[in-house]
Amino acid sequence: MEVTIKRIGLDGLHVSAAGRLDLDNAVEYGSKIKDFIEDSEEQITEVTLDFTEITFISSFGLKVILELYKQLKDQNGSIKLKNVPEQIKNSFKMVGFDKFLVFE
């Protein structure tokens, strides 16, 4: 899975990827984002995950998003999900993630 990460201003990131966030790809997806945040000279407090080309998310993918949310929350940051297909949004709602994640 190719993951594209772009800086937005001093404290933001825009992350896009294509394909499935499942057992095979979710670890790589999460690791790339976490590594980018940890290696950044400036503290990252706003992350936008663009789901335009994500076709599926498994429970393992949901776990990776939850871990990222917790990491950002600990740094007084936030996470937003953009262009989430309805089927994937329903997966987030089913497990209650819509209570703390922001969808654009």
PDB file of N, CA and C in Angstrom:
ATOM      1  N   MET A   1       0.841  -1.174   0.000  1.00  0.00           N
ATOM      2  CA  MET A   1       0.000   0.000   0.000  1.00  0.00           C
ATOM      3  C   MET A   1       0.886   1.237   0.000  1.00  0.00           C
ATOM      4  N   GLU A   2       0.625   2.122  -0.922  1.00  0.00           N
ATOM      5  CA  GLU A   2       1.357   3.382  -0.957  1.00  0.00           C
ATOM      6  C   GLU A   2       0.639   4.401  -0.089  1.00  0.00           C
ATOM      7  N   VAL A   3       1.378   4.974   0.842  1.00  0.00           N
ATOM      8  CA  VAL A   3       0.831   5.975   1.758  1.00  0.00           C
ATOM      9  C   VAL A   3       1.526   7.293   1.444  1.00  0.00           C
ATOM     10  N   THR A   4       0.732   8.339   1.202  1.00  0.00           N
ATOM     11  CA  THR A   4       1.266   9.656   0.913  1.00  0.00           C
ATOM     12  C   THR A   4       0.978  10.565   2.096  1.00  0.00           C
ATOM     13  N   ILE A   5       2.036  11.158   2.636  1.00  0.00           N
ATOM     14  CA  ILE A   5       1.908  12.040   3.794  1.00  0.00           C
ATOM     15  C   ILE A   5       2.455  13.408   3.411  1.00  0.00           C
ATOM     16  N   LYS A   6       1.639  14.444   3.599  1.00  0.00           N
ATOM     17  CA  LYS A   6       2.053  15.813   3.287  1.00  0.00           C
ATOM     18  C   LYS A   6       1.876  16.689   4.514  1.00  0.00           C
ATOM     19  N   ARG A   7       2.847  17.551   4.748  1.00  0.00           N
ATOM     20  CA  ARG A   7       2.745  18.529   5.838  1.00  0.00           C
ATOM     21  C   ARG A   7       1.746  19.600   5.443  1.00  0.00           C
ATOM     22  N   ILE A   8       0.952  20.024   6.397  1.00  0.00           N
ATOM     23  CA  ILE A   8       0.024  21.132   6.227  1.00  0.00           C
ATOM     24  C   ILE A   8       0.360  22.131   7.325  1.00  0.00           C
ATOM     25  N   GLY A   9       0.962  23.236   6.951  1.00  0.00           N
ATOM     26  CA  GLY A   9       1.369  24.220   7.945  1.00  0.00           C
ATOM     27  C   GLY A   9       2.434  23.649   8.865  1.00  0.00           C
ATOM     28  N   LEU A  10       2.518  24.214  10.069  1.00  0.00           N
ATOM     29  CA  LEU A  10       3.533  23.772  11.026  1.00  0.00           C
ATOM     30  C   LEU A  10       3.152  22.505  11.777  1.00  0.00           C
ATOM     31  N   ASP A  11       1.853  22.328  12.030  1.00  0.00           N
ATOM     32  CA  ASP A  11       1.454  21.251  12.930  1.00  0.00           C
ATOM     33  C   ASP A  11       0.477  20.247  12.337  1.00  0.00           C
ATOM     34  N   GLY A  12       0.303  20.263  11.010  1.00  0.00           N
ATOM     35  CA  GLY A  12      -0.680  19.378  10.416  1.00  0.00           C
ATOM     36  C   GLY A  12      -0.120  18.405   9.402  1.00  0.00           C
ATOM     37  N   LEU A  13      -0.870  17.321   9.203  1.00  0.00           N
ATOM     38  CA  LEU A  13      -0.542  16.308   8.204  1.00  0.00           C
ATOM     39  C   LEU A  13      -1.791  15.960   7.419  1.00  0.00           C
ATOM     40  N   HIS A  14      -1.603  15.662   6.151  1.00  0.00           N
ATOM     41  CA  HIS A  14      -2.662  15.117   5.313  1.00  0.00           C
ATOM     42  C   HIS A  14      -2.158  13.765   4.834  1.00  0.00           C
ATOM     43  N   VAL A  15      -2.927  12.710   5.112  1.00  0.00           N
ATOM     44  CA  VAL A  15      -2.507  11.346   4.783  1.00  0.00           C
ATOM     45  C   VAL A  15      -3.519  10.751   3.809  1.00  0.00           C
ATOM     46  N   SER A  16      -3.000  10.219   2.707  1.00  0.00           N
ATOM     47  CA  SER A  16      -3.873   9.524   1.773  1.00  0.00           C
ATOM     48  C   SER A  16      -3.251   8.176   1.404  1.00  0.00           C
ATOM     49  N   ALA A  17      -4.106   7.253   1.039  1.00  0.00           N
ATOM     50  CA  ALA A  17      -3.681   5.917   0.637  1.00  0.00           C
ATOM     51  C   ALA A  17      -4.787   5.319  -0.218  1.00  0.00           C
ATOM     52  N   ALA A  18      -4.471   4.227  -0.871  1.00  0.00           N
ATOM     53  CA  ALA A  18      -5.464   3.553  -1.704  1.00  0.00           C
ATOM     54  C   ALA A  18      -5.488   2.070  -1.363  1.00  0.00           C
ATOM     55  N   GLY A  19      -6.681   1.503  -1.417  1.00  0.00           N
ATOM     56  CA  GLY A  19      -6.813   0.065  -1.198  1.00  0.00           C
ATOM     57  C   GLY A  19      -7.525  -0.277   0.088  1.00  0.00           C
ATOM     58  N   ARG A  20      -7.121  -1.386   0.661  1.00  0.00           N
ATOM     59  CA  ARG A  20      -7.775  -1.941   1.837  1.00  0.00           C
ATOM     60  C   ARG A  20      -6.919  -1.711   3.080  1.00  0.00           C
ATOM     61  N   LEU A  21      -7.565  -1.255   4.156  1.00  0.00           N
ATOM     62  CA  LEU A  21      -6.897  -1.167   5.457  1.00  0.00           C
ATOM     63  C   LEU A  21      -7.262  -2.436   6.221  1.00  0.00           C
ATOM     64  N   ASP A  22      -6.522  -3.474   5.943  1.00  0.00           N
ATOM     65  CA  ASP A  22      -6.781  -4.763   6.572  1.00  0.00           C
ATOM     66  C   ASP A  22      -5.499  -5.258   7.228  1.00  0.00           C
ATOM     67  N   LEU A  23      -5.493  -6.479   7.658  1.00  0.00           N
ATOM     68  CA  LEU A  23      -4.347  -7.047   8.353  1.00  0.00           C
ATOM     69  C   LEU A  23      -3.051  -6.876   7.556  1.00  0.00           C
ATOM     70  N   ASP A  24      -3.134  -7.023   6.257  1.00  0.00           N
ATOM     71  CA  ASP A  24      -1.940  -6.935   5.422  1.00  0.00           C
ATOM     72  C   ASP A  24      -1.385  -5.513   5.305  1.00  0.00           C
ATOM     73  N   ASN A  25      -2.246  -4.496   5.345  1.00  0.00           N
ATOM     74  CA  ASN A  25      -1.818  -3.129   5.061  1.00  0.00           C
ATOM     75  C   ASN A  25      -1.889  -2.162   6.237  1.00  0.00           C
ATOM     76  N   ALA A  26      -2.702  -2.449   7.218  1.00  0.00           N
ATOM     77  CA  ALA A  26      -2.938  -1.490   8.294  1.00  0.00           C
ATOM     78  C   ALA A  26      -1.685  -1.202   9.121  1.00  0.00           C
ATOM     79  N   VAL A  27      -0.874  -2.200   9.356  1.00  0.00           N
ATOM     80  CA  VAL A  27       0.347  -2.003  10.144  1.00  0.00           C
ATOM     81  C   VAL A  27       1.269  -1.015   9.446  1.00  0.00           C
ATOM     82  N   GLU A  28       1.475  -1.226   8.146  1.00  0.00           N
ATOM     83  CA  GLU A  28       2.327  -0.323   7.373  1.00  0.00           C
ATOM     84  C   GLU A  28       1.753   1.092   7.376  1.00  0.00           C
ATOM     85  N   TYR A  29       0.461   1.212   7.172  1.00  0.00           N
ATOM     86  CA  TYR A  29      -0.224   2.503   7.158  1.00  0.00           C
ATOM     87  C   TYR A  29       0.003   3.238   8.483  1.00  0.00           C
ATOM     88  N   GLY A  30      -0.304   2.570   9.582  1.00  0.00           N
ATOM     89  CA  GLY A  30      -0.145   3.176  10.899  1.00  0.00           C
ATOM     90  C   GLY A  30       1.304   3.498  11.228  1.00  0.00           C
ATOM     91  N   SER A  31       2.207   2.599  10.886  1.00  0.00           N
ATOM     92  CA  SER A  31       3.629   2.804  11.178  1.00  0.00           C
ATOM     93  C   SER A  31       4.188   4.018  10.442  1.00  0.00           C
ATOM     94  N   LYS A  32       3.817   4.170   9.192  1.00  0.00           N
ATOM     95  CA  LYS A  32       4.314   5.315   8.424  1.00  0.00           C
ATOM     96  C   LYS A  32       3.845   6.632   9.042  1.00  0.00           C
ATOM     97  N   ILE A  33       2.593   6.673   9.456  1.00  0.00           N
ATOM     98  CA  ILE A  33       2.063   7.904  10.056  1.00  0.00           C
ATOM     99  C   ILE A  33       2.738   8.165  11.399  1.00  0.00           C
ATOM    100  N   LYS A  34       2.810   7.156  12.249  1.00  0.00           N
ATOM    101  CA  LYS A  34       3.425   7.320  13.572  1.00  0.00           C
ATOM    102  C   LYS A  34       4.885   7.717  13.458  1.00  0.00           C
ATOM    103  N   ASP A  35       5.620   7.077  12.553  1.00  0.00           N
ATOM    104  CA  ASP A  35       7.026   7.417  12.360  1.00  0.00           C
ATOM    105  C   ASP A  35       7.184   8.863  11.903  1.00  0.00           C
ATOM    106  N   PHE A  36       6.329   9.299  10.996  1.00  0.00           N
ATOM    107  CA  PHE A  36       6.391  10.672  10.506  1.00  0.00           C
ATOM    108  C   PHE A  36       6.155  11.656  11.649  1.00  0.00           C
ATOM    109  N   ILE A  37       5.175  11.362  12.492  1.00  0.00           N
ATOM    110  CA  ILE A  37       4.870  12.222  13.632  1.00  0.00           C
ATOM    111  C   ILE A  37       6.046  12.261  14.607  1.00  0.00           C
ATOM    112  N   GLU A  38       6.589  11.102  14.927  1.00  0.00           N
ATOM    113  CA  GLU A  38       7.691  11.024  15.889  1.00  0.00           C
ATOM    114  C   GLU A  38       8.983  11.646  15.356  1.00  0.00           C
ATOM    115  N   ASP A  39       9.209  11.582  14.048  1.00  0.00           N
ATOM    116  CA  ASP A  39      10.432  12.121  13.452  1.00  0.00           C
ATOM    117  C   ASP A  39      10.341  13.609  13.133  1.00  0.00           C
ATOM    118  N   SER A  40       9.153  14.167  13.269  1.00  0.00           N
ATOM    119  CA  SER A  40       8.956  15.569  12.928  1.00  0.00           C
ATOM    120  C   SER A  40       9.601  16.493  13.968  1.00  0.00           C
ATOM    121  N   GLU A  41      10.254  17.535  13.479  1.00  0.00           N
ATOM    122  CA  GLU A  41      10.859  18.503  14.396  1.00  0.00           C
ATOM    123  C   GLU A  41       9.792  19.314  15.113  1.00  0.00           C
ATOM    124  N   GLU A  42       8.708  19.634  14.424  1.00  0.00           N
ATOM    125  CA  GLU A  42       7.584  20.355  15.013  1.00  0.00           C
ATOM    126  C   GLU A  42       6.550  19.334  15.501  1.00  0.00           C
ATOM    127  N   GLN A  43       5.882  19.658  16.581  1.00  0.00           N
ATOM    128  CA  GLN A  43       4.858  18.751  17.101  1.00  0.00           C
ATOM    129  C   GLN A  43       3.649  18.738  16.166  1.00  0.00           C
ATOM    130  N   ILE A  44       3.226  17.566  15.790  1.00  0.00           N
ATOM    131  CA  ILE A  44       2.051  17.392  14.931  1.00  0.00           C
ATOM    132  C   ILE A  44       0.822  17.292  15.832  1.00  0.00           C
ATOM    133  N   THR A  45      -0.151  18.170  15.600  1.00  0.00           N
ATOM    134  CA  THR A  45      -1.357  18.143  16.427  1.00  0.00           C
ATOM    135  C   THR A  45      -2.640  17.955  15.611  1.00  0.00           C
ATOM    136  N   GLU A  46      -2.556  18.052  14.296  1.00  0.00           N
ATOM    137  CA  GLU A  46      -3.740  17.874  13.457  1.00  0.00           C
ATOM    138  C   GLU A  46      -3.420  16.927  12.312  1.00  0.00           C
ATOM    139  N   VAL A  47      -4.139  15.812  12.269  1.00  0.00           N
ATOM    140  CA  VAL A  47      -3.940  14.831  11.202  1.00  0.00           C
ATOM    141  C   VAL A  47      -5.272  14.613  10.492  1.00  0.00           C
ATOM    142  N   THR A  48      -5.230  14.752   9.173  1.00  0.00           N
ATOM    143  CA  THR A  48      -6.396  14.468   8.346  1.00  0.00           C
ATOM    144  C   THR A  48      -6.113  13.197   7.552  1.00  0.00           C
ATOM    145  N   LEU A  49      -6.964  12.210   7.726  1.00  0.00           N
ATOM    146  CA  LEU A  49      -6.850  10.949   6.987  1.00  0.00           C
ATOM    147  C   LEU A  49      -7.853  10.990   5.843  1.00  0.00           C
ATOM    148  N   ASP A  50      -7.359  11.003   4.621  1.00  0.00           N
ATOM    149  CA  ASP A  50      -8.206  11.068   3.437  1.00  0.00           C
ATOM    150  C   ASP A  50      -8.528   9.645   2.990  1.00  0.00           C
ATOM    151  N   PHE A  51      -9.799   9.299   3.045  1.00  0.00           N
ATOM    152  CA  PHE A  51     -10.258   7.948   2.720  1.00  0.00           C
ATOM    153  C   PHE A  51     -10.834   7.847   1.313  1.00  0.00           C
ATOM    154  N   THR A  52     -10.546   8.823   0.460  1.00  0.00           N
ATOM    155  CA  THR A  52     -11.098   8.832  -0.900  1.00  0.00           C
ATOM    156  C   THR A  52     -10.879   7.518  -1.621  1.00  0.00           C
ATOM    157  N   GLU A  53      -9.683   6.942  -1.494  1.00  0.00           N
ATOM    158  CA  GLU A  53      -9.359   5.723  -2.241  1.00  0.00           C
ATOM    159  C   GLU A  53      -9.241   4.483  -1.357  1.00  0.00           C
ATOM    160  N   ILE A  54      -9.716   4.571  -0.124  1.00  0.00           N
ATOM    161  CA  ILE A  54      -9.760   3.393   0.756  1.00  0.00           C
ATOM    162  C   ILE A  54     -11.059   2.640   0.443  1.00  0.00           C
ATOM    163  N   THR A  55     -10.947   1.353   0.172  1.00  0.00           N
ATOM    164  CA  THR A  55     -12.114   0.574  -0.243  1.00  0.00           C
ATOM    165  C   THR A  55     -12.687  -0.319   0.850  1.00  0.00           C
ATOM    166  N   PHE A  56     -11.920  -0.537   1.922  1.00  0.00           N
ATOM    167  CA  PHE A  56     -12.359  -1.461   2.978  1.00  0.00           C
ATOM    168  C   PHE A  56     -11.525  -1.186   4.221  1.00  0.00           C
ATOM    169  N   ILE A  57     -12.147  -1.370   5.383  1.00  0.00           N
ATOM    170  CA  ILE A  57     -11.398  -1.310   6.639  1.00  0.00           C
ATOM    171  C   ILE A  57     -11.813  -2.492   7.506  1.00  0.00           C
ATOM    172  N   SER A  58     -10.834  -3.218   8.009  1.00  0.00           N
ATOM    173  CA  SER A  58     -11.095  -4.368   8.883  1.00  0.00           C
ATOM    174  C   SER A  58     -10.996  -3.913  10.337  1.00  0.00           C
ATOM    175  N   SER A  59     -11.259  -4.830  11.241  1.00  0.00           N
ATOM    176  CA  SER A  59     -11.130  -4.509  12.665  1.00  0.00           C
ATOM    177  C   SER A  59      -9.690  -4.141  12.997  1.00  0.00           C
ATOM    178  N   PHE A  60      -8.744  -4.720  12.280  1.00  0.00           N
ATOM    179  CA  PHE A  60      -7.347  -4.380  12.513  1.00  0.00           C
ATOM    180  C   PHE A  60      -7.060  -2.951  12.058  1.00  0.00           C
ATOM    181  N   GLY A  61      -7.663  -2.541  10.943  1.00  0.00           N
ATOM    182  CA  GLY A  61      -7.546  -1.162  10.478  1.00  0.00           C
ATOM    183  C   GLY A  61      -8.169  -0.193  11.472  1.00  0.00           C
ATOM    184  N   LEU A  62      -9.301  -0.564  12.046  1.00  0.00           N
ATOM    185  CA  LEU A  62      -9.947   0.268  13.071  1.00  0.00           C
ATOM    186  C   LEU A  62      -9.031   0.416  14.283  1.00  0.00           C
ATOM    187  N   LYS A  63      -8.354  -0.654  14.656  1.00  0.00           N
ATOM    188  CA  LYS A  63      -7.423  -0.623  15.792  1.00  0.00           C
ATOM    189  C   LYS A  63      -6.294   0.372  15.537  1.00  0.00           C
ATOM    190  N   VAL A  64      -5.769   0.372  14.321  1.00  0.00           N
ATOM    191  CA  VAL A  64      -4.687   1.290  13.970  1.00  0.00           C
ATOM    192  C   VAL A  64      -5.163   2.744  14.069  1.00  0.00           C
ATOM    193  N   ILE A  65      -6.378   3.019  13.605  1.00  0.00           N
ATOM    194  CA  ILE A  65      -6.932   4.376  13.693  1.00  0.00           C
ATOM    195  C   ILE A  65      -7.113   4.767  15.153  1.00  0.00           C
ATOM    196  N   LEU A  66      -7.590   3.840  15.987  1.00  0.00           N
ATOM    197  CA  LEU A  66      -7.759   4.108  17.410  1.00  0.00           C
ATOM    198  C   LEU A  66      -6.425   4.422  18.080  1.00  0.00           C
ATOM    199  N   GLU A  67      -5.394   3.669  17.770  1.00  0.00           N
ATOM    200  CA  GLU A  67      -4.064   3.920  18.341  1.00  0.00           C
ATOM    201  C   GLU A  67      -3.540   5.298  17.930  1.00  0.00           C
ATOM    202  N   LEU A  68      -3.763   5.662  16.672  1.00  0.00           N
ATOM    203  CA  LEU A  68      -3.343   6.975  16.192  1.00  0.00           C
ATOM    204  C   LEU A  68      -4.114   8.083  16.914  1.00  0.00           C
ATOM    205  N   TYR A  69      -5.414   7.875  17.086  1.00  0.00           N
ATOM    206  CA  TYR A  69      -6.240   8.841  17.818  1.00  0.00           C
ATOM    207  C   TYR A  69      -5.702   9.040  19.239  1.00  0.00           C
ATOM    208  N   LYS A  70      -5.396   7.956  19.926  1.00  0.00           N
ATOM    209  CA  LYS A  70      -4.890   8.037  21.301  1.00  0.00           C
ATOM    210  C   LYS A  70      -3.550   8.765  21.352  1.00  0.00           C
ATOM    211  N   GLN A  71      -2.668   8.479  20.401  1.00  0.00           N
ATOM    212  CA  GLN A  71      -1.366   9.147  20.355  1.00  0.00           C
ATOM    213  C   GLN A  71      -1.550  10.657  20.187  1.00  0.00           C
ATOM    214  N   LEU A  72      -2.427  11.056  19.298  1.00  0.00           N
ATOM    215  CA  LEU A  72      -2.652  12.489  19.070  1.00  0.00           C
ATOM    216  C   LEU A  72      -3.345  13.140  20.261  1.00  0.00           C
ATOM    217  N   LYS A  73      -4.286  12.431  20.850  1.00  0.00           N
ATOM    218  CA  LYS A  73      -4.994  12.973  22.014  1.00  0.00           C
ATOM    219  C   LYS A  73      -4.013  13.234  23.154  1.00  0.00           C
ATOM    220  N   ASP A  74      -3.054  12.341  23.353  1.00  0.00           N
ATOM    221  CA  ASP A  74      -2.040  12.520  24.393  1.00  0.00           C
ATOM    222  C   ASP A  74      -1.186  13.762  24.150  1.00  0.00           C
ATOM    223  N   GLN A  75      -1.118  14.207  22.895  1.00  0.00           N
ATOM    224  CA  GLN A  75      -0.351  15.399  22.538  1.00  0.00           C
ATOM    225  C   GLN A  75      -1.262  16.606  22.331  1.00  0.00           C
ATOM    226  N   ASN A  76      -2.498  16.513  22.864  1.00  0.00           N
ATOM    227  CA  ASN A  76      -3.508  17.561  22.685  1.00  0.00           C
ATOM    228  C   ASN A  76      -3.800  17.816  21.213  1.00  0.00           C
ATOM    229  N   GLY A  77      -3.761  16.766  20.419  1.00  0.00           N
ATOM    230  CA  GLY A  77      -4.014  16.869  18.994  1.00  0.00           C
ATOM    231  C   GLY A  77      -5.361  16.297  18.619  1.00  0.00           C
ATOM    232  N   SER A  78      -5.623  16.312  17.322  1.00  0.00           N
ATOM    233  CA  SER A  78      -6.903  15.790  16.828  1.00  0.00           C
ATOM    234  C   SER A  78      -6.702  15.071  15.509  1.00  0.00           C
ATOM    235  N   ILE A  79      -7.693  14.275  15.174  1.00  0.00           N
ATOM    236  CA  ILE A  79      -7.677  13.518  13.926  1.00  0.00           C
ATOM    237  C   ILE A  79      -9.018  13.734  13.241  1.00  0.00           C
ATOM    238  N   LYS A  80      -8.964  13.919  11.923  1.00  0.00           N
ATOM    239  CA  LYS A  80     -10.169  14.084  11.118  1.00  0.00           C
ATOM    240  C   LYS A  80     -10.128  13.065   9.992  1.00  0.00           C
ATOM    241  N   LEU A  81     -11.282  12.546   9.641  1.00  0.00           N
ATOM    242  CA  LEU A  81     -11.385  11.620   8.523  1.00  0.00           C
ATOM    243  C   LEU A  81     -12.166  12.316   7.420  1.00  0.00           C
ATOM    244  N   LYS A  82     -11.605  12.294   6.221  1.00  0.00           N
ATOM    245  CA  LYS A  82     -12.158  13.035   5.098  1.00  0.00           C
ATOM    246  C   LYS A  82     -12.541  12.069   3.983  1.00  0.00           C
ATOM    247  N   ASN A  83     -13.665  12.355   3.324  1.00  0.00           N
ATOM    248  CA  ASN A  83     -14.114  11.572   2.159  1.00  0.00           C
ATOM    249  C   ASN A  83     -14.271  10.084   2.474  1.00  0.00           C
ATOM    250  N   VAL A  84     -14.887   9.794   3.602  1.00  0.00           N
ATOM    251  CA  VAL A  84     -15.064   8.395   4.027  1.00  0.00           C
ATOM    252  C   VAL A  84     -16.292   7.808   3.318  1.00  0.00           C
ATOM    253  N   PRO A  85     -16.109   6.735   2.547  1.00  0.00           N
ATOM    254  CA  PRO A  85     -17.256   6.082   1.910  1.00  0.00           C
ATOM    255  C   PRO A  85     -18.271   5.622   2.967  1.00  0.00           C
ATOM    256  N   GLU A  86     -19.528   5.645   2.600  1.00  0.00           N
ATOM    257  CA  GLU A  86     -20.604   5.336   3.547  1.00  0.00           C
ATOM    258  C   GLU A  86     -20.431   3.970   4.199  1.00  0.00           C
ATOM    259  N   GLN A  87     -20.044   2.969   3.439  1.00  0.00           N
ATOM    260  CA  GLN A  87     -19.855   1.623   3.993  1.00  0.00           C
ATOM    261  C   GLN A  87     -18.783   1.624   5.089  1.00  0.00           C
ATOM    262  N   ILE A  88     -17.700   2.350   4.859  1.00  0.00           N
ATOM    263  CA  ILE A  88     -16.623   2.418   5.852  1.00  0.00           C
ATOM    264  C   ILE A  88     -17.056   3.268   7.041  1.00  0.00           C
ATOM    265  N   LYS A  89     -17.784   4.339   6.782  1.00  0.00           N
ATOM    266  CA  LYS A  89     -18.294   5.177   7.873  1.00  0.00           C
ATOM    267  C   LYS A  89     -19.205   4.356   8.791  1.00  0.00           C
ATOM    268  N   ASN A  90     -19.983   3.458   8.206  1.00  0.00           N
ATOM    269  CA  ASN A  90     -20.850   2.589   9.005  1.00  0.00           C
ATOM    270  C   ASN A  90     -20.035   1.679   9.921  1.00  0.00           C
ATOM    271  N   SER A  91     -18.862   1.237   9.466  1.00  0.00           N
ATOM    272  CA  SER A  91     -17.989   0.418  10.317  1.00  0.00           C
ATOM    273  C   SER A  91     -17.526   1.220  11.528  1.00  0.00           C
ATOM    274  N   PHE A  92     -17.157   2.485  11.310  1.00  0.00           N
ATOM    275  CA  PHE A  92     -16.754   3.348  12.421  1.00  0.00           C
ATOM    276  C   PHE A  92     -17.915   3.561  13.396  1.00  0.00           C
ATOM    277  N   LYS A  93     -19.106   3.771  12.857  1.00  0.00           N
ATOM    278  CA  LYS A  93     -20.280   3.998  13.707  1.00  0.00           C
ATOM    279  C   LYS A  93     -20.640   2.746  14.511  1.00  0.00           C
ATOM    280  N   MET A  94     -20.498   1.588  13.882  1.00  0.00           N
ATOM    281  CA  MET A  94     -20.869   0.331  14.533  1.00  0.00           C
ATOM    282  C   MET A  94     -20.072   0.106  15.820  1.00  0.00           C
ATOM    283  N   VAL A  95     -18.813   0.534  15.837  1.00  0.00           N
ATOM    284  CA  VAL A  95     -17.981   0.334  17.021  1.00  0.00           C
ATOM    285  C   VAL A  95     -17.893   1.586  17.894  1.00  0.00           C
ATOM    286  N   GLY A  96     -18.658   2.622  17.552  1.00  0.00           N
ATOM    287  CA  GLY A  96     -18.735   3.819  18.392  1.00  0.00           C
ATOM    288  C   GLY A  96     -17.660   4.860  18.150  1.00  0.00           C
ATOM    289  N   PHE A  97     -16.871   4.703  17.099  1.00  0.00           N
ATOM    290  CA  PHE A  97     -15.800   5.669  16.824  1.00  0.00           C
ATOM    291  C   PHE A  97     -16.359   7.028  16.412  1.00  0.00           C
ATOM    292  N   ASP A  98     -17.594   7.072  15.940  1.00  0.00           N
ATOM    293  CA  ASP A  98     -18.195   8.351  15.532  1.00  0.00           C
ATOM    294  C   ASP A  98     -18.425   9.259  16.737  1.00  0.00           C
ATOM    295  N   LYS A  99     -18.288   8.731  17.949  1.00  0.00           N
ATOM    296  CA  LYS A  99     -18.451   9.540  19.169  1.00  0.00           C
ATOM    297  C   LYS A  99     -17.241  10.435  19.424  1.00  0.00           C
ATOM    298  N   PHE A 100     -16.073  10.059  18.895  1.00  0.00           N
ATOM    299  CA  PHE A 100     -14.880  10.850  19.155  1.00  0.00           C
ATOM    300  C   PHE A 100     -14.073  11.226  17.908  1.00  0.00           C
ATOM    301  N   LEU A 101     -14.404  10.649  16.770  1.00  0.00           N
ATOM    302  CA  LEU A 101     -13.719  11.022  15.526  1.00  0.00           C
ATOM    303  C   LEU A 101     -14.542  12.055  14.784  1.00  0.00           C
ATOM    304  N   VAL A 102     -13.872  12.936  14.069  1.00  0.00           N
ATOM    305  CA  VAL A 102     -14.541  13.970  13.279  1.00  0.00           C
ATOM    306  C   VAL A 102     -14.505  13.541  11.817  1.00  0.00           C
ATOM    307  N   PHE A 103     -15.683  13.552  11.186  1.00  0.00           N
ATOM    308  CA  PHE A 103     -15.798  13.209   9.771  1.00  0.00           C
ATOM    309  C   PHE A 103     -16.094  14.469   8.981  1.00  0.00           C
ATOM    310  N   GLU A 104     -15.337  14.669   7.912  1.00  0.00           N
ATOM    311  CA  GLU A 104     -15.579  15.836   7.035  1.00  0.00           C
ATOM    312  C   GLU A 104     -16.187  15.363   5.736  1.00  0.00           C
TER     313      GLU A 104
END
